[in-house]
Amino acid sequence: MERIIGRVASTGTIGASLSGVQSIGASLDTSGAPYRGAYEVTPTEYAQVLPTAGKTPSSDIVVQPIPSNYGLITYNGSVITVS
Protein backbone atom coordinates (compact mmCIF):
# COMPACT_ATOMS: atom_id res chain seq x y z
CA MET A 1 0.00 0.00 0.00
CA GLU A 2 1.32 3.42 -0.95
CA ARG A 3 1.13 6.09 1.74
CA ILE A 4 1.30 9.84 1.62
CA ILE A 5 2.27 11.56 4.83
CA GLY A 6 2.31 15.32 4.85
CA ARG A 7 1.63 18.59 6.61
CA VAL A 8 -0.85 21.36 5.89
CA ALA A 9 0.77 24.80 5.80
CA SER A 10 -1.35 27.90 6.33
CA THR A 11 -0.86 31.61 6.49
CA GLY A 12 -3.97 31.93 8.66
CA THR A 13 -5.31 30.18 11.71
CA ILE A 14 -6.37 26.55 11.71
CA GLY A 15 -8.52 25.48 14.65
CA ALA A 16 -7.04 21.99 14.82
CA SER A 17 -4.00 20.19 13.52
CA LEU A 18 -4.35 17.67 10.73
CA SER A 19 -2.43 14.43 10.55
CA GLY A 20 -3.04 10.97 9.17
CA VAL A 21 -2.34 8.47 6.45
CA GLN A 22 -4.02 8.44 3.04
CA SER A 23 -4.18 5.17 1.10
CA ILE A 24 -3.71 5.43 -2.65
CA GLY A 25 -5.32 2.51 -4.48
CA ALA A 26 -4.77 -1.13 -3.65
CA SER A 27 -1.67 -3.06 -4.49
CA LEU A 28 -1.90 -6.47 -6.12
CA ASP A 29 0.26 -9.04 -4.40
CA THR A 30 1.30 -11.45 -7.13
CA SER A 31 3.78 -13.34 -4.95
CA GLY A 32 1.27 -16.08 -4.05
CA ALA A 33 1.19 -19.44 -5.77
CA PRO A 34 -1.21 -19.67 -8.71
CA TYR A 35 -4.72 -20.92 -7.88
CA ARG A 36 -5.37 -24.18 -9.70
CA GLY A 37 -8.93 -25.02 -8.63
CA ALA A 38 -12.42 -24.55 -10.02
CA TYR A 39 -13.30 -21.12 -11.39
CA GLU A 40 -16.99 -21.86 -11.85
CA VAL A 41 -19.31 -22.81 -8.97
CA THR A 42 -23.01 -23.76 -8.93
CA PRO A 43 -24.81 -23.44 -5.56
CA THR A 44 -25.68 -26.70 -3.82
CA GLU A 45 -27.24 -27.60 -0.49
CA TYR A 46 -23.73 -27.87 0.99
CA ALA A 47 -21.08 -25.21 1.57
CA GLN A 48 -18.29 -25.10 -0.98
CA VAL A 49 -14.85 -23.65 -0.32
CA LEU A 50 -12.52 -22.51 -3.09
CA PRO A 51 -9.04 -22.68 -1.50
CA THR A 52 -7.80 -19.29 -2.77
CA ALA A 53 -6.16 -17.97 0.42
CA GLY A 54 -2.60 -16.87 -0.36
CA LYS A 55 -3.02 -17.77 -4.04
CA THR A 56 -3.26 -15.62 -7.16
CA PRO A 57 -6.26 -16.38 -9.42
CA SER A 58 -5.64 -16.15 -13.16
CA SER A 59 -9.23 -15.15 -13.99
CA ASP A 60 -12.57 -14.26 -12.39
CA ILE A 61 -14.33 -16.81 -10.19
CA VAL A 62 -17.94 -17.18 -11.39
CA VAL A 63 -20.82 -18.22 -9.11
CA GLN A 64 -23.62 -19.54 -11.28
CA PRO A 65 -27.28 -18.76 -10.49
CA ILE A 66 -29.35 -21.26 -8.52
CA PRO A 67 -30.57 -23.88 -11.03
CA SER A 68 -34.20 -23.56 -12.04
CA ASN A 69 -34.93 -27.15 -10.91
CA TYR A 70 -34.26 -26.24 -7.24
CA GLY A 71 -37.50 -26.16 -5.26
CA LEU A 72 -38.73 -23.16 -3.28
CA ILE A 73 -39.55 -24.12 0.31
CA THR A 74 -41.94 -21.90 2.27
CA TYR A 75 -43.32 -22.25 5.79
CA ASN A 76 -46.33 -20.30 7.04
CA GLY A 77 -46.10 -21.40 10.67
CA SER A 78 -48.03 -24.62 10.24
CA VAL A 79 -47.56 -25.88 6.67
CA ILE A 80 -44.37 -26.50 4.71
CA THR A 81 -44.82 -26.09 0.94
CA VAL A 82 -42.28 -27.19 -1.67
CA SER A 83 -42.92 -25.67 -5.09
C-alpha atoms as a PDB file:
ATOM      1  CA  MET A   1       0.000   0.000   0.000  1.00  0.00           C
ATOM      2  CA  GLU A   2       1.322   3.421  -0.947  1.00  0.00           C
ATOM      3  CA  ARG A   3       1.125   6.094   1.737  1.00  0.00           C
ATOM      4  CA  ILE A   4       1.303   9.845   1.625  1.00  0.00           C
ATOM      5  CA  ILE A   5       2.274  11.560   4.830  1.00  0.00           C
ATOM      6  CA  GLY A   6       2.312  15.321   4.851  1.00  0.00           C
ATOM      7  CA  ARG A   7       1.625  18.587   6.611  1.00  0.00           C
ATOM      8  CA  VAL A   8      -0.852  21.363   5.888  1.00  0.00           C
ATOM      9  CA  ALA A   9       0.768  24.796   5.803  1.00  0.00           C
ATOM     10  CA  SER A  10      -1.348  27.895   6.332  1.00  0.00           C
ATOM     11  CA  THR A  11      -0.864  31.607   6.493  1.00  0.00           C
ATOM     12  CA  GLY A  12      -3.969  31.932   8.658  1.00  0.00           C
ATOM     13  CA  THR A  13      -5.307  30.183  11.708  1.00  0.00           C
ATOM     14  CA  ILE A  14      -6.374  26.551  11.713  1.00  0.00           C
ATOM     15  CA  GLY A  15      -8.523  25.482  14.652  1.00  0.00           C
ATOM     16  CA  ALA A  16      -7.044  21.985  14.822  1.00  0.00           C
ATOM     17  CA  SER A  17      -3.997  20.194  13.525  1.00  0.00           C
ATOM     18  CA  LEU A  18      -4.347  17.672  10.726  1.00  0.00           C
ATOM     19  CA  SER A  19      -2.432  14.429  10.551  1.00  0.00           C
ATOM     20  CA  GLY A  20      -3.044  10.975   9.170  1.00  0.00           C
ATOM     21  CA  VAL A  21      -2.343   8.468   6.446  1.00  0.00           C
ATOM     22  CA  GLN A  22      -4.017   8.442   3.042  1.00  0.00           C
ATOM     23  CA  SER A  23      -4.181   5.172   1.104  1.00  0.00           C
ATOM     24  CA  ILE A  24      -3.709   5.427  -2.645  1.00  0.00           C
ATOM     25  CA  GLY A  25      -5.322   2.508  -4.479  1.00  0.00           C
ATOM     26  CA  ALA A  26      -4.766  -1.127  -3.653  1.00  0.00           C
ATOM     27  CA  SER A  27      -1.666  -3.062  -4.485  1.00  0.00           C
ATOM     28  CA  LEU A  28      -1.898  -6.474  -6.116  1.00  0.00           C
ATOM     29  CA  ASP A  29       0.263  -9.040  -4.399  1.00  0.00           C
ATOM     30  CA  THR A  30       1.305 -11.447  -7.127  1.00  0.00           C
ATOM     31  CA  SER A  31       3.784 -13.337  -4.946  1.00  0.00           C
ATOM     32  CA  GLY A  32       1.273 -16.082  -4.045  1.00  0.00           C
ATOM     33  CA  ALA A  33       1.193 -19.445  -5.771  1.00  0.00           C
ATOM     34  CA  PRO A  34      -1.206 -19.668  -8.711  1.00  0.00           C
ATOM     35  CA  TYR A  35      -4.716 -20.915  -7.875  1.00  0.00           C
ATOM     36  CA  ARG A  36      -5.368 -24.184  -9.696  1.00  0.00           C
ATOM     37  CA  GLY A  37      -8.926 -25.019  -8.626  1.00  0.00           C
ATOM     38  CA  ALA A  38     -12.424 -24.550 -10.020  1.00  0.00           C
ATOM     39  CA  TYR A  39     -13.299 -21.122 -11.389  1.00  0.00           C
ATOM     40  CA  GLU A  40     -16.992 -21.860 -11.853  1.00  0.00           C
ATOM     41  CA  VAL A  41     -19.310 -22.814  -8.974  1.00  0.00           C
ATOM     42  CA  THR A  42     -23.009 -23.760  -8.927  1.00  0.00           C
ATOM     43  CA  PRO A  43     -24.813 -23.441  -5.564  1.00  0.00           C
ATOM     44  CA  THR A  44     -25.680 -26.703  -3.815  1.00  0.00           C
ATOM     45  CA  GLU A  45     -27.238 -27.595  -0.487  1.00  0.00           C
ATOM     46  CA  TYR A  46     -23.731 -27.869   0.994  1.00  0.00           C
ATOM     47  CA  ALA A  47     -21.081 -25.209   1.572  1.00  0.00           C
ATOM     48  CA  GLN A  48     -18.288 -25.103  -0.981  1.00  0.00           C
ATOM     49  CA  VAL A  49     -14.846 -23.653  -0.323  1.00  0.00           C
ATOM     50  CA  LEU A  50     -12.516 -22.510  -3.087  1.00  0.00           C
ATOM     51  CA  PRO A  51      -9.036 -22.680  -1.505  1.00  0.00           C
ATOM     52  CA  THR A  52      -7.799 -19.292  -2.771  1.00  0.00           C
ATOM     53  CA  ALA A  53      -6.156 -17.970   0.416  1.00  0.00           C
ATOM     54  CA  GLY A  54      -2.603 -16.874  -0.364  1.00  0.00           C
ATOM     55  CA  LYS A  55      -3.023 -17.766  -4.043  1.00  0.00           C
ATOM     56  CA  THR A  56      -3.265 -15.619  -7.161  1.00  0.00           C
ATOM     57  CA  PRO A  57      -6.263 -16.379  -9.424  1.00  0.00           C
ATOM     58  CA  SER A  58      -5.643 -16.154 -13.159  1.00  0.00           C
ATOM     59  CA  SER A  59      -9.226 -15.152 -13.992  1.00  0.00           C
ATOM     60  CA  ASP A  60     -12.571 -14.261 -12.389  1.00  0.00           C
ATOM     61  CA  ILE A  61     -14.334 -16.814 -10.189  1.00  0.00           C
ATOM     62  CA  VAL A  62     -17.937 -17.180 -11.387  1.00  0.00           C
ATOM     63  CA  VAL A  63     -20.820 -18.220  -9.113  1.00  0.00           C
ATOM     64  CA  GLN A  64     -23.624 -19.540 -11.284  1.00  0.00           C
ATOM     65  CA  PRO A  65     -27.282 -18.758 -10.485  1.00  0.00           C
ATOM     66  CA  ILE A  66     -29.347 -21.263  -8.522  1.00  0.00           C
ATOM     67  CA  PRO A  67     -30.570 -23.883 -11.026  1.00  0.00           C
ATOM     68  CA  SER A  68     -34.202 -23.564 -12.037  1.00  0.00           C
ATOM     69  CA  ASN A  69     -34.929 -27.147 -10.908  1.00  0.00           C
ATOM     70  CA  TYR A  70     -34.259 -26.235  -7.241  1.00  0.00           C
ATOM     71  CA  GLY A  71     -37.500 -26.159  -5.262  1.00  0.00           C
ATOM     72  CA  LEU A  72     -38.732 -23.163  -3.278  1.00  0.00           C
ATOM     73  CA  ILE A  73     -39.553 -24.118   0.309  1.00  0.00           C
ATOM     74  CA  THR A  74     -41.936 -21.904   2.271  1.00  0.00           C
ATOM     75  CA  TYR A  75     -43.322 -22.252   5.791  1.00  0.00           C
ATOM     76  CA  ASN A  76     -46.331 -20.296   7.040  1.00  0.00           C
ATOM     77  CA  GLY A  77     -46.102 -21.401  10.673  1.00  0.00           C
ATOM     78  CA  SER A  78     -48.031 -24.624  10.244  1.00  0.00           C
ATOM     79  CA  VAL A  79     -47.562 -25.875   6.668  1.00  0.00           C
ATOM     80  CA  ILE A  80     -44.366 -26.499   4.706  1.00  0.00           C
ATOM     81  CA  THR A  81     -44.816 -26.092   0.940  1.00  0.00           C
ATOM     82  CA  VAL A  82     -42.283 -27.186  -1.669  1.00  0.00           C
ATOM     83  CA  SER A  83     -42.919 -25.675  -5.091  1.00  0.00           C
END
